[in-house]
Amino acid sequence: MKKKHPQKSRSTSEYDPQRQQNVLLERIEKKVDIIAEGHGGLDRKIDKTNERLDDVNSKLDIITNKVSEHSSKLSEHGRRFDRIEMVLTDTNTRVKKLESGHEELRTGQENIVVRLDKVEHKLGTITTDHEHRMQKLESVK
């Protein structure tokens, strides 16, 4: 025969530590479940945020590359502008030299015209004198 163990009597009016512990554990489990659900939601949000950040990072990489390309193009344009400025400065210097040379040529041309006038005047005088002599010679014949 089996021995019967005396059962502990549970009274509702008395304090039952086992029952209270079970109730507390159930409450804790429910709260842990709520926290776990919240944690899962946060994980999903973090995953979405990470995806967005990855997208933003790839776009930033593209933008950084474009900025780098444009920066090197700007540097090249800067070097071209520097070369153009050097050529323009050299051209300006040459134009000034040509202008001063032109003034010298104009002055030289004016001097030639004055001398030519003198030569023409002398030729006119010589020709007139020569014609007089020829007329005198012809009249002597």
N, C-alpha and C. Protein backbone atom coordinates (compact mmCIF):
# COMPACT_ATOMS: atom_id res chain seq x y z
N MET A 1 0.77 -1.16 0.00
CA MET A 1 0.00 0.00 0.00
C MET A 1 0.83 1.25 0.00
N LYS A 2 0.15 2.16 -0.62
CA LYS A 2 0.87 3.43 -0.74
C LYS A 2 0.58 4.25 0.48
N LYS A 3 1.62 4.92 0.79
CA LYS A 3 1.47 5.81 1.91
C LYS A 3 0.94 7.12 1.40
N LYS A 4 0.08 7.64 2.09
CA LYS A 4 -0.45 8.93 1.71
C LYS A 4 0.34 10.00 2.42
N HIS A 5 0.70 10.91 1.58
CA HIS A 5 1.42 12.05 2.16
C HIS A 5 0.39 13.07 2.60
N PRO A 6 0.63 13.57 3.69
CA PRO A 6 -0.33 14.57 4.11
C PRO A 6 -0.20 15.81 3.22
N GLN A 7 -1.26 16.23 2.68
CA GLN A 7 -1.26 17.42 1.83
C GLN A 7 -1.29 18.65 2.70
N LYS A 8 -0.58 19.59 2.13
CA LYS A 8 -0.59 20.86 2.84
C LYS A 8 -1.89 21.53 2.51
N SER A 9 -2.46 21.99 3.44
CA SER A 9 -3.73 22.64 3.21
C SER A 9 -3.48 24.08 2.76
N ARG A 10 -4.22 24.44 1.76
CA ARG A 10 -4.07 25.81 1.25
C ARG A 10 -5.31 26.57 1.63
N SER A 11 -5.06 27.53 2.32
CA SER A 11 -6.20 28.34 2.69
C SER A 11 -6.11 29.66 1.96
N THR A 12 -7.20 30.19 1.57
CA THR A 12 -7.25 31.42 0.83
C THR A 12 -7.01 32.60 1.71
N SER A 13 -7.31 32.47 2.91
CA SER A 13 -7.13 33.61 3.78
C SER A 13 -5.71 33.71 4.29
N GLU A 14 -5.00 32.61 4.20
CA GLU A 14 -3.64 32.63 4.69
C GLU A 14 -2.70 33.05 3.57
N TYR A 15 -1.57 33.51 3.96
CA TYR A 15 -0.51 33.92 3.01
C TYR A 15 0.10 32.67 2.41
N ASP A 16 0.14 32.63 1.05
CA ASP A 16 0.73 31.47 0.37
C ASP A 16 1.93 31.96 -0.44
N PRO A 17 3.14 31.73 0.04
CA PRO A 17 4.31 32.24 -0.64
C PRO A 17 4.51 31.62 -2.03
N GLN A 18 4.18 30.36 -2.19
CA GLN A 18 4.36 29.70 -3.49
C GLN A 18 3.45 30.34 -4.53
N ARG A 19 2.20 30.55 -4.15
CA ARG A 19 1.24 31.17 -5.07
C ARG A 19 1.67 32.59 -5.41
N GLN A 20 2.10 33.34 -4.46
CA GLN A 20 2.54 34.72 -4.71
C GLN A 20 3.76 34.73 -5.62
N GLN A 21 4.64 33.78 -5.41
CA GLN A 21 5.83 33.68 -6.25
C GLN A 21 5.42 33.37 -7.69
N ASN A 22 4.46 32.47 -7.86
CA ASN A 22 3.99 32.13 -9.21
C ASN A 22 3.33 33.33 -9.88
N VAL A 23 2.55 34.07 -9.14
CA VAL A 23 1.90 35.26 -9.69
C VAL A 23 2.95 36.29 -10.10
N LEU A 24 3.94 36.48 -9.25
CA LEU A 24 5.02 37.42 -9.59
C LEU A 24 5.79 36.96 -10.82
N LEU A 25 6.06 35.67 -10.90
CA LEU A 25 6.77 35.14 -12.07
C LEU A 25 5.95 35.35 -13.35
N GLU A 26 4.63 35.14 -13.26
CA GLU A 26 3.77 35.37 -14.44
C GLU A 26 3.83 36.83 -14.86
N ARG A 27 3.76 37.71 -13.90
CA ARG A 27 3.84 39.16 -14.21
C ARG A 27 5.19 39.48 -14.85
N ILE A 28 6.24 38.93 -14.26
CA ILE A 28 7.59 39.17 -14.80
C ILE A 28 7.68 38.64 -16.23
N GLU A 29 7.12 37.43 -16.46
CA GLU A 29 7.15 36.84 -17.81
C GLU A 29 6.41 37.74 -18.80
N LYS A 30 5.24 38.25 -18.41
CA LYS A 30 4.47 39.13 -19.29
C LYS A 30 5.28 40.40 -19.60
N LYS A 31 5.89 40.94 -18.58
CA LYS A 31 6.69 42.16 -18.81
C LYS A 31 7.91 41.86 -19.66
N VAL A 32 8.52 40.69 -19.44
CA VAL A 32 9.66 40.31 -20.28
C VAL A 32 9.20 40.13 -21.72
N ASP A 33 8.00 39.53 -21.92
CA ASP A 33 7.46 39.38 -23.27
C ASP A 33 7.23 40.74 -23.92
N ILE A 34 6.69 41.67 -23.14
CA ILE A 34 6.46 43.03 -23.67
C ILE A 34 7.79 43.68 -24.03
N ILE A 35 8.78 43.52 -23.15
CA ILE A 35 10.11 44.07 -23.42
C ILE A 35 10.71 43.41 -24.66
N ALA A 36 10.53 42.08 -24.79
CA ALA A 36 11.07 41.35 -25.94
C ALA A 36 10.41 41.85 -27.23
N GLU A 37 9.07 42.07 -27.19
CA GLU A 37 8.38 42.60 -28.37
C GLU A 37 8.91 43.98 -28.71
N GLY A 38 9.07 44.82 -27.69
CA GLY A 38 9.62 46.16 -27.92
C GLY A 38 11.03 46.09 -28.48
N HIS A 39 11.80 45.15 -27.93
CA HIS A 39 13.17 44.97 -28.41
C HIS A 39 13.17 44.54 -29.87
N GLY A 40 12.26 43.62 -30.22
CA GLY A 40 12.14 43.18 -31.62
C GLY A 40 11.79 44.35 -32.53
N GLY A 41 10.84 45.19 -32.06
CA GLY A 41 10.48 46.38 -32.84
C GLY A 41 11.66 47.31 -33.01
N LEU A 42 12.40 47.48 -31.91
CA LEU A 42 13.59 48.34 -31.99
C LEU A 42 14.62 47.75 -32.94
N ASP A 43 14.79 46.42 -32.89
CA ASP A 43 15.72 45.76 -33.82
C ASP A 43 15.33 46.03 -35.26
N ARG A 44 14.01 45.92 -35.55
CA ARG A 44 13.56 46.18 -36.93
C ARG A 44 13.81 47.63 -37.31
N LYS A 45 13.54 48.54 -36.39
CA LYS A 45 13.79 49.96 -36.67
C LYS A 45 15.28 50.21 -36.87
N ILE A 46 16.09 49.60 -36.05
CA ILE A 46 17.56 49.76 -36.18
C ILE A 46 18.02 49.19 -37.51
N ASP A 47 17.46 48.03 -37.90
CA ASP A 47 17.82 47.46 -39.20
C ASP A 47 17.44 48.39 -40.34
N LYS A 48 16.23 48.97 -40.27
CA LYS A 48 15.80 49.91 -41.31
C LYS A 48 16.71 51.14 -41.32
N THR A 49 17.03 51.61 -40.11
CA THR A 49 17.92 52.77 -40.01
C THR A 49 19.29 52.45 -40.60
N ASN A 50 19.79 51.26 -40.31
CA ASN A 50 21.09 50.84 -40.87
C ASN A 50 21.02 50.77 -42.39
N GLU A 51 19.90 50.26 -42.91
CA GLU A 51 19.74 50.22 -44.37
C GLU A 51 19.76 51.63 -44.96
N ARG A 52 19.02 52.52 -44.28
CA ARG A 52 19.00 53.91 -44.75
C ARG A 52 20.38 54.54 -44.66
N LEU A 53 21.08 54.26 -43.56
CA LEU A 53 22.44 54.81 -43.41
C LEU A 53 23.38 54.25 -44.47
N ASP A 54 23.21 52.95 -44.78
CA ASP A 54 24.03 52.37 -45.86
C ASP A 54 23.74 53.08 -47.18
N ASP A 55 22.46 53.35 -47.44
CA ASP A 55 22.07 54.06 -48.66
C ASP A 55 22.67 55.47 -48.65
N VAL A 56 22.56 56.15 -47.50
CA VAL A 56 23.12 57.50 -47.38
C VAL A 56 24.63 57.46 -47.58
N ASN A 57 25.29 56.46 -46.99
CA ASN A 57 26.75 56.35 -47.13
C ASN A 57 27.15 56.14 -48.59
N SER A 58 26.40 55.28 -49.29
CA SER A 58 26.74 55.06 -50.71
C SER A 58 26.51 56.33 -51.52
N LYS A 59 25.43 57.07 -51.19
CA LYS A 59 25.19 58.34 -51.88
C LYS A 59 26.28 59.35 -51.54
N LEU A 60 26.71 59.37 -50.27
CA LEU A 60 27.80 60.28 -49.88
C LEU A 60 29.09 59.91 -50.60
N ASP A 61 29.33 58.61 -50.78
CA ASP A 61 30.52 58.19 -51.54
C ASP A 61 30.46 58.71 -52.96
N ILE A 62 29.27 58.61 -53.58
CA ILE A 62 29.09 59.11 -54.95
C ILE A 62 29.32 60.62 -54.99
N ILE A 63 28.73 61.32 -54.01
CA ILE A 63 28.89 62.78 -53.95
C ILE A 63 30.35 63.14 -53.73
N THR A 64 31.02 62.42 -52.84
CA THR A 64 32.44 62.69 -52.57
C THR A 64 33.27 62.50 -53.84
N ASN A 65 32.98 61.44 -54.59
CA ASN A 65 33.70 61.20 -55.84
C ASN A 65 33.43 62.32 -56.84
N LYS A 66 32.17 62.75 -56.94
CA LYS A 66 31.83 63.83 -57.87
C LYS A 66 32.53 65.13 -57.46
N VAL A 67 32.51 65.41 -56.16
CA VAL A 67 33.18 66.63 -55.67
C VAL A 67 34.67 66.56 -55.98
N SER A 68 35.25 65.38 -55.80
CA SER A 68 36.67 65.22 -56.10
C SER A 68 36.94 65.44 -57.59
N GLU A 69 36.05 64.87 -58.43
CA GLU A 69 36.19 65.07 -59.88
C GLU A 69 36.10 66.56 -60.23
N HIS A 70 35.08 67.22 -59.67
CA HIS A 70 34.89 68.64 -59.96
C HIS A 70 36.05 69.47 -59.41
N SER A 71 36.57 69.06 -58.27
CA SER A 71 37.70 69.78 -57.69
C SER A 71 38.93 69.68 -58.60
N SER A 72 39.18 68.48 -59.12
CA SER A 72 40.33 68.34 -60.02
C SER A 72 40.07 69.09 -61.33
N LYS A 73 38.80 69.10 -61.79
CA LYS A 73 38.48 69.88 -62.99
C LYS A 73 38.68 71.37 -62.73
N LEU A 74 38.27 71.83 -61.54
CA LEU A 74 38.47 73.24 -61.19
C LEU A 74 39.95 73.57 -61.13
N SER A 75 40.74 72.64 -60.60
CA SER A 75 42.19 72.87 -60.55
C SER A 75 42.75 72.99 -61.97
N GLU A 76 42.28 72.12 -62.86
CA GLU A 76 42.73 72.18 -64.25
C GLU A 76 42.29 73.50 -64.88
N HIS A 77 41.06 73.92 -64.62
CA HIS A 77 40.59 75.20 -65.15
C HIS A 77 41.43 76.35 -64.57
N GLY A 78 41.78 76.24 -63.31
CA GLY A 78 42.62 77.27 -62.69
C GLY A 78 43.96 77.36 -63.39
N ARG A 79 44.56 76.18 -63.70
CA ARG A 79 45.84 76.19 -64.41
C ARG A 79 45.67 76.78 -65.81
N ARG A 80 44.55 76.46 -66.47
CA ARG A 80 44.30 77.01 -67.81
C ARG A 80 44.13 78.52 -67.74
N PHE A 81 43.39 79.00 -66.73
CA PHE A 81 43.22 80.45 -66.57
C PHE A 81 44.56 81.12 -66.30
N ASP A 82 45.42 80.47 -65.52
CA ASP A 82 46.74 81.03 -65.27
C ASP A 82 47.53 81.14 -66.58
N ARG A 83 47.44 80.08 -67.41
CA ARG A 83 48.14 80.12 -68.70
C ARG A 83 47.57 81.21 -69.59
N ILE A 84 46.24 81.32 -69.61
CA ILE A 84 45.59 82.36 -70.43
C ILE A 84 46.02 83.74 -69.95
N GLU A 85 46.08 83.91 -68.63
CA GLU A 85 46.51 85.19 -68.07
C GLU A 85 47.95 85.50 -68.48
N MET A 86 48.82 84.48 -68.47
CA MET A 86 50.21 84.70 -68.90
C MET A 86 50.25 85.11 -70.37
N VAL A 87 49.47 84.42 -71.20
CA VAL A 87 49.45 84.74 -72.64
C VAL A 87 48.92 86.15 -72.85
N LEU A 88 47.86 86.51 -72.13
CA LEU A 88 47.30 87.86 -72.27
C LEU A 88 48.30 88.92 -71.82
N THR A 89 49.00 88.66 -70.73
CA THR A 89 50.01 89.61 -70.25
C THR A 89 51.12 89.76 -71.29
N ASP A 90 51.57 88.63 -71.85
CA ASP A 90 52.61 88.67 -72.88
C ASP A 90 52.09 89.41 -74.12
N THR A 91 50.85 89.14 -74.51
CA THR A 91 50.26 89.82 -75.67
C THR A 91 50.15 91.32 -75.41
N ASN A 92 49.75 91.69 -74.22
CA ASN A 92 49.65 93.10 -73.85
C ASN A 92 51.01 93.78 -73.94
N THR A 93 52.03 93.10 -73.46
CA THR A 93 53.39 93.65 -73.54
C THR A 93 53.81 93.83 -75.00
N ARG A 94 53.51 92.83 -75.82
CA ARG A 94 53.87 92.92 -77.24
C ARG A 94 53.12 94.05 -77.94
N VAL A 95 51.85 94.21 -77.60
CA VAL A 95 51.06 95.29 -78.20
C VAL A 95 51.65 96.64 -77.83
N LYS A 96 52.05 96.79 -76.58
CA LYS A 96 52.67 98.05 -76.15
C LYS A 96 53.96 98.30 -76.91
N LYS A 97 54.74 97.24 -77.11
CA LYS A 97 55.99 97.39 -77.89
C LYS A 97 55.67 97.78 -79.32
N LEU A 98 54.63 97.13 -79.89
CA LEU A 98 54.24 97.47 -81.26
C LEU A 98 53.75 98.91 -81.35
N GLU A 99 52.99 99.34 -80.34
CA GLU A 99 52.51 100.71 -80.34
C GLU A 99 53.66 101.69 -80.28
N SER A 100 54.64 101.41 -79.41
CA SER A 100 55.79 102.32 -79.34
C SER A 100 56.60 102.24 -80.63
N GLY A 101 56.71 101.02 -81.20
CA GLY A 101 57.39 100.88 -82.49
C GLY A 101 56.64 101.59 -83.59
N HIS A 102 55.32 101.56 -83.52
CA HIS A 102 54.50 102.25 -84.50
C HIS A 102 54.74 103.76 -84.43
N GLU A 103 54.84 104.28 -83.20
CA GLU A 103 55.14 105.71 -83.04
C GLU A 103 56.50 106.04 -83.65
N GLU A 104 57.46 105.14 -83.40
CA GLU A 104 58.80 105.36 -83.99
C GLU A 104 58.72 105.33 -85.51
N LEU A 105 57.93 104.38 -86.05
CA LEU A 105 57.76 104.31 -87.50
C LEU A 105 57.09 105.57 -88.04
N ARG A 106 56.06 106.04 -87.33
CA ARG A 106 55.37 107.24 -87.77
C ARG A 106 56.33 108.42 -87.79
N THR A 107 57.13 108.53 -86.73
CA THR A 107 58.11 109.62 -86.68
C THR A 107 59.11 109.48 -87.82
N GLY A 108 59.57 108.24 -88.05
CA GLY A 108 60.51 107.99 -89.16
C GLY A 108 59.87 108.29 -90.49
N GLN A 109 58.62 107.94 -90.64
CA GLN A 109 57.90 108.22 -91.90
C GLN A 109 57.76 109.72 -92.11
N GLU A 110 57.45 110.44 -91.04
CA GLU A 110 57.35 111.90 -91.16
C GLU A 110 58.69 112.49 -91.57
N ASN A 111 59.77 111.97 -90.99
CA ASN A 111 61.12 112.44 -91.37
C ASN A 111 61.40 112.14 -92.84
N ILE A 112 60.98 110.97 -93.31
CA ILE A 112 61.21 110.62 -94.72
C ILE A 112 60.42 111.56 -95.62
N VAL A 113 59.18 111.86 -95.23
CA VAL A 113 58.35 112.77 -96.03
C VAL A 113 59.01 114.15 -96.11
N VAL A 114 59.53 114.64 -94.97
CA VAL A 114 60.20 115.95 -94.96
C VAL A 114 61.41 115.89 -95.88
N ARG A 115 62.20 114.84 -95.77
CA ARG A 115 63.39 114.72 -96.63
C ARG A 115 63.00 114.59 -98.10
N LEU A 116 61.95 113.83 -98.37
CA LEU A 116 61.48 113.68 -99.75
C LEU A 116 61.04 115.02 -100.31
N ASP A 117 60.35 115.81 -99.48
CA ASP A 117 59.96 117.15 -99.91
C ASP A 117 61.20 117.98 -100.27
N LYS A 118 62.23 117.87 -99.43
CA LYS A 118 63.47 118.61 -99.70
C LYS A 118 64.11 118.13 -101.00
N VAL A 119 64.11 116.81 -101.18
CA VAL A 119 64.71 116.26 -102.41
C VAL A 119 63.91 116.74 -103.62
N GLU A 120 62.57 116.68 -103.53
CA GLU A 120 61.74 117.14 -104.65
C GLU A 120 61.98 118.62 -104.93
N HIS A 121 62.12 119.38 -103.86
CA HIS A 121 62.39 120.81 -104.05
C HIS A 121 63.73 121.02 -104.75
N LYS A 122 64.74 120.26 -104.30
CA LYS A 122 66.06 120.38 -104.93
C LYS A 122 65.98 119.93 -106.38
N LEU A 123 65.27 118.81 -106.61
CA LEU A 123 65.14 118.33 -107.99
C LEU A 123 64.43 119.38 -108.86
N GLY A 124 63.40 119.98 -108.27
CA GLY A 124 62.68 121.03 -109.01
C GLY A 124 63.62 122.18 -109.35
N THR A 125 64.41 122.56 -108.36
CA THR A 125 65.35 123.66 -108.59
C THR A 125 66.38 123.26 -109.64
N ILE A 126 66.92 122.08 -109.49
CA ILE A 126 67.94 121.61 -110.44
C ILE A 126 67.33 121.49 -111.84
N THR A 127 66.13 120.96 -111.94
CA THR A 127 65.49 120.79 -113.24
C THR A 127 65.23 122.15 -113.87
N THR A 128 64.73 123.07 -113.09
CA THR A 128 64.48 124.41 -113.60
C THR A 128 65.79 125.03 -114.05
N ASP A 129 66.79 124.91 -113.25
CA ASP A 129 68.11 125.45 -113.60
C ASP A 129 68.64 124.77 -114.85
N HIS A 130 68.47 123.48 -114.93
CA HIS A 130 68.93 122.73 -116.09
C HIS A 130 68.17 123.16 -117.35
N GLU A 131 66.88 123.40 -117.24
CA GLU A 131 66.09 123.84 -118.39
C GLU A 131 66.55 125.22 -118.85
N HIS A 132 66.87 126.09 -117.91
CA HIS A 132 67.38 127.42 -118.28
C HIS A 132 68.69 127.28 -119.04
N ARG A 133 69.53 126.43 -118.59
CA ARG A 133 70.82 126.25 -119.26
C ARG A 133 70.61 125.71 -120.66
N MET A 134 69.67 124.74 -120.75
CA MET A 134 69.44 124.17 -122.08
C MET A 134 68.88 125.23 -123.03
N GLN A 135 68.01 126.09 -122.51
CA GLN A 135 67.45 127.13 -123.35
C GLN A 135 68.55 128.10 -123.79
N LYS A 136 69.47 128.38 -122.89
CA LYS A 136 70.56 129.25 -123.25
C LYS A 136 71.44 128.61 -124.30
N LEU A 137 71.69 127.34 -124.13
CA LEU A 137 72.51 126.63 -125.10
C LEU A 137 71.82 126.60 -126.46
N GLU A 138 70.56 126.39 -126.47
CA GLU A 138 69.82 126.30 -127.71
C GLU A 138 69.77 127.68 -128.40
N SER A 139 69.71 128.68 -127.61
CA SER A 139 69.66 130.01 -128.21
C SER A 139 71.02 130.39 -128.79
N VAL A 140 72.06 129.82 -128.32
CA VAL A 140 73.41 130.09 -128.81
C VAL A 140 73.58 129.37 -130.15
N LYS A 141 73.04 128.42 -130.45
CA LYS A 141 73.21 127.66 -131.67
C LYS A 141 72.71 128.40 -132.79
